[in-house]
Structure formats: structure tokens, C-alpha cells
Amino acid sequence: MNDSTITLPWHVVRQDDNGNRYSVGRYATRAEAQKIADSLGGPDTRLYWVERVGRSGGDG
């Protein structure tokens, strides 16, 4: 398998206080993406969650 065939179907999304959304990173598994999202979340008002690439909200 070469780099062009690797798929990373899960990404972590961040939403800031103004409602702007940003992709934080892409990952091979939902569990890996969730671990990153959990580590980034904190007491501030930013929100982090996991989405499947090409889909909106949910684990697809």
C-alpha cells in the first residue's frame, strides 16, 4: 500500500465562539479521532467533535 491509497475517513472539527468551523486533522479510525477530540476539549468555549469525511455530524 502506498500513500495514495491510504484513506483517512474521520476528522476532528473545531468550532470557535463565532461559529466558524475548522478541520483539525484526519484519522484512520473513529476511535483515534475521538481520542484527539477528547484531548483537545477543555473548559473553554471551543467545541471539538468527530465527523466522517463527506458526512455531517455522526459516525456514519
C-alpha atoms as a PDB file:
ATOM      1  CA  MET A   1       0.000   0.000   0.000  1.00  0.00           C
ATOM      2  CA  ASN A   2       1.375   3.405  -0.894  1.00  0.00           C
ATOM      3  CA  ASP A   3       0.439   6.850   0.391  1.00  0.00           C
ATOM      4  CA  SER A   4      -2.024   7.469  -2.441  1.00  0.00           C
ATOM      5  CA  THR A   5      -4.198   4.528  -1.342  1.00  0.00           C
ATOM      6  CA  ILE A   6      -4.389   5.358   2.378  1.00  0.00           C
ATOM      7  CA  THR A   7      -7.779   6.722   3.390  1.00  0.00           C
ATOM      8  CA  LEU A   8      -8.424   8.834   6.444  1.00  0.00           C
ATOM      9  CA  PRO A   9     -12.218   8.930   6.659  1.00  0.00           C
ATOM     10  CA  TRP A  10     -12.531  10.530  10.103  1.00  0.00           C
ATOM     11  CA  HIS A  11     -11.716  14.090  11.019  1.00  0.00           C
ATOM     12  CA  VAL A  12     -11.809  16.240  14.108  1.00  0.00           C
ATOM     13  CA  VAL A  13     -13.690  19.516  13.749  1.00  0.00           C
ATOM     14  CA  ARG A  14     -13.398  22.588  15.949  1.00  0.00           C
ATOM     15  CA  GLN A  15     -15.999  25.329  16.205  1.00  0.00           C
ATOM     16  CA  ASP A  16     -14.973  28.655  17.699  1.00  0.00           C
ATOM     17  CA  ASP A  17     -17.025  31.193  19.629  1.00  0.00           C
ATOM     18  CA  ASN A  18     -18.151  32.851  16.387  1.00  0.00           C
ATOM     19  CA  GLY A  19     -19.453  29.637  14.841  1.00  0.00           C
ATOM     20  CA  ASN A  20     -16.534  29.195  12.437  1.00  0.00           C
ATOM     21  CA  ARG A  21     -15.652  25.545  11.803  1.00  0.00           C
ATOM     22  CA  TYR A  22     -12.138  24.224  11.204  1.00  0.00           C
ATOM     23  CA  SER A  23     -10.817  20.766  10.404  1.00  0.00           C
ATOM     24  CA  VAL A  24      -8.169  19.896  12.993  1.00  0.00           C
ATOM     25  CA  GLY A  25      -6.938  16.641  11.438  1.00  0.00           C
ATOM     26  CA  ARG A  26      -7.880  13.427   9.656  1.00  0.00           C
ATOM     27  CA  TYR A  27      -7.569   9.942  11.094  1.00  0.00           C
ATOM     28  CA  ALA A  28      -7.937   6.318  10.018  1.00  0.00           C
ATOM     29  CA  THR A  29     -10.354   5.283  12.770  1.00  0.00           C
ATOM     30  CA  ARG A  30     -13.156   6.922  14.690  1.00  0.00           C
ATOM     31  CA  ALA A  31     -11.533   5.863  17.967  1.00  0.00           C
ATOM     32  CA  GLU A  32      -8.294   7.620  17.045  1.00  0.00           C
ATOM     33  CA  ALA A  33     -10.137  10.789  16.063  1.00  0.00           C
ATOM     34  CA  GLN A  34     -12.232  10.702  19.241  1.00  0.00           C
ATOM     35  CA  LYS A  35      -9.111  10.379  21.382  1.00  0.00           C
ATOM     36  CA  ILE A  36      -7.716  13.543  19.787  1.00  0.00           C
ATOM     37  CA  ALA A  37     -11.020  15.412  20.151  1.00  0.00           C
ATOM     38  CA  ASP A  38     -11.222  14.423  23.819  1.00  0.00           C
ATOM     39  CA  SER A  39      -7.663  15.584  24.451  1.00  0.00           C
ATOM     40  CA  LEU A  40      -8.348  18.974  22.852  1.00  0.00           C
ATOM     41  CA  GLY A  41     -11.613  19.669  24.637  1.00  0.00           C
ATOM     42  CA  GLY A  42     -11.439  21.655  27.809  1.00  0.00           C
ATOM     43  CA  PRO A  43     -13.133  24.278  29.940  1.00  0.00           C
ATOM     44  CA  ASP A  44     -13.011  26.934  27.205  1.00  0.00           C
ATOM     45  CA  THR A  45     -15.922  27.597  24.830  1.00  0.00           C
ATOM     46  CA  ARG A  46     -14.457  25.900  21.760  1.00  0.00           C
ATOM     47  CA  LEU A  47     -16.104  22.688  20.704  1.00  0.00           C
ATOM     48  CA  TYR A  48     -14.387  19.656  19.198  1.00  0.00           C
ATOM     49  CA  TRP A  49     -16.113  16.675  17.630  1.00  0.00           C
ATOM     50  CA  VAL A  50     -15.600  13.830  15.193  1.00  0.00           C
ATOM     51  CA  GLU A  51     -17.196  13.561  11.750  1.00  0.00           C
ATOM     52  CA  ARG A  52     -16.847  11.128   8.899  1.00  0.00           C
ATOM     53  CA  VAL A  53     -15.409  12.877   5.840  1.00  0.00           C
ATOM     54  CA  GLY A  54     -18.173  13.586   3.367  1.00  0.00           C
ATOM     55  CA  ARG A  55     -20.860  13.413   6.019  1.00  0.00           C
ATOM     56  CA  SER A  56     -22.124  15.928   8.522  1.00  0.00           C
ATOM     57  CA  GLY A  57     -22.408  15.116  12.210  1.00  0.00           C
ATOM     58  CA  GLY A  58     -22.486  11.468  13.105  1.00  0.00           C
ATOM     59  CA  ASP A  59     -20.389   8.403  12.894  1.00  0.00           C
ATOM     60  CA  GLY A  60     -21.873   7.136   9.715  1.00  0.00           C
END
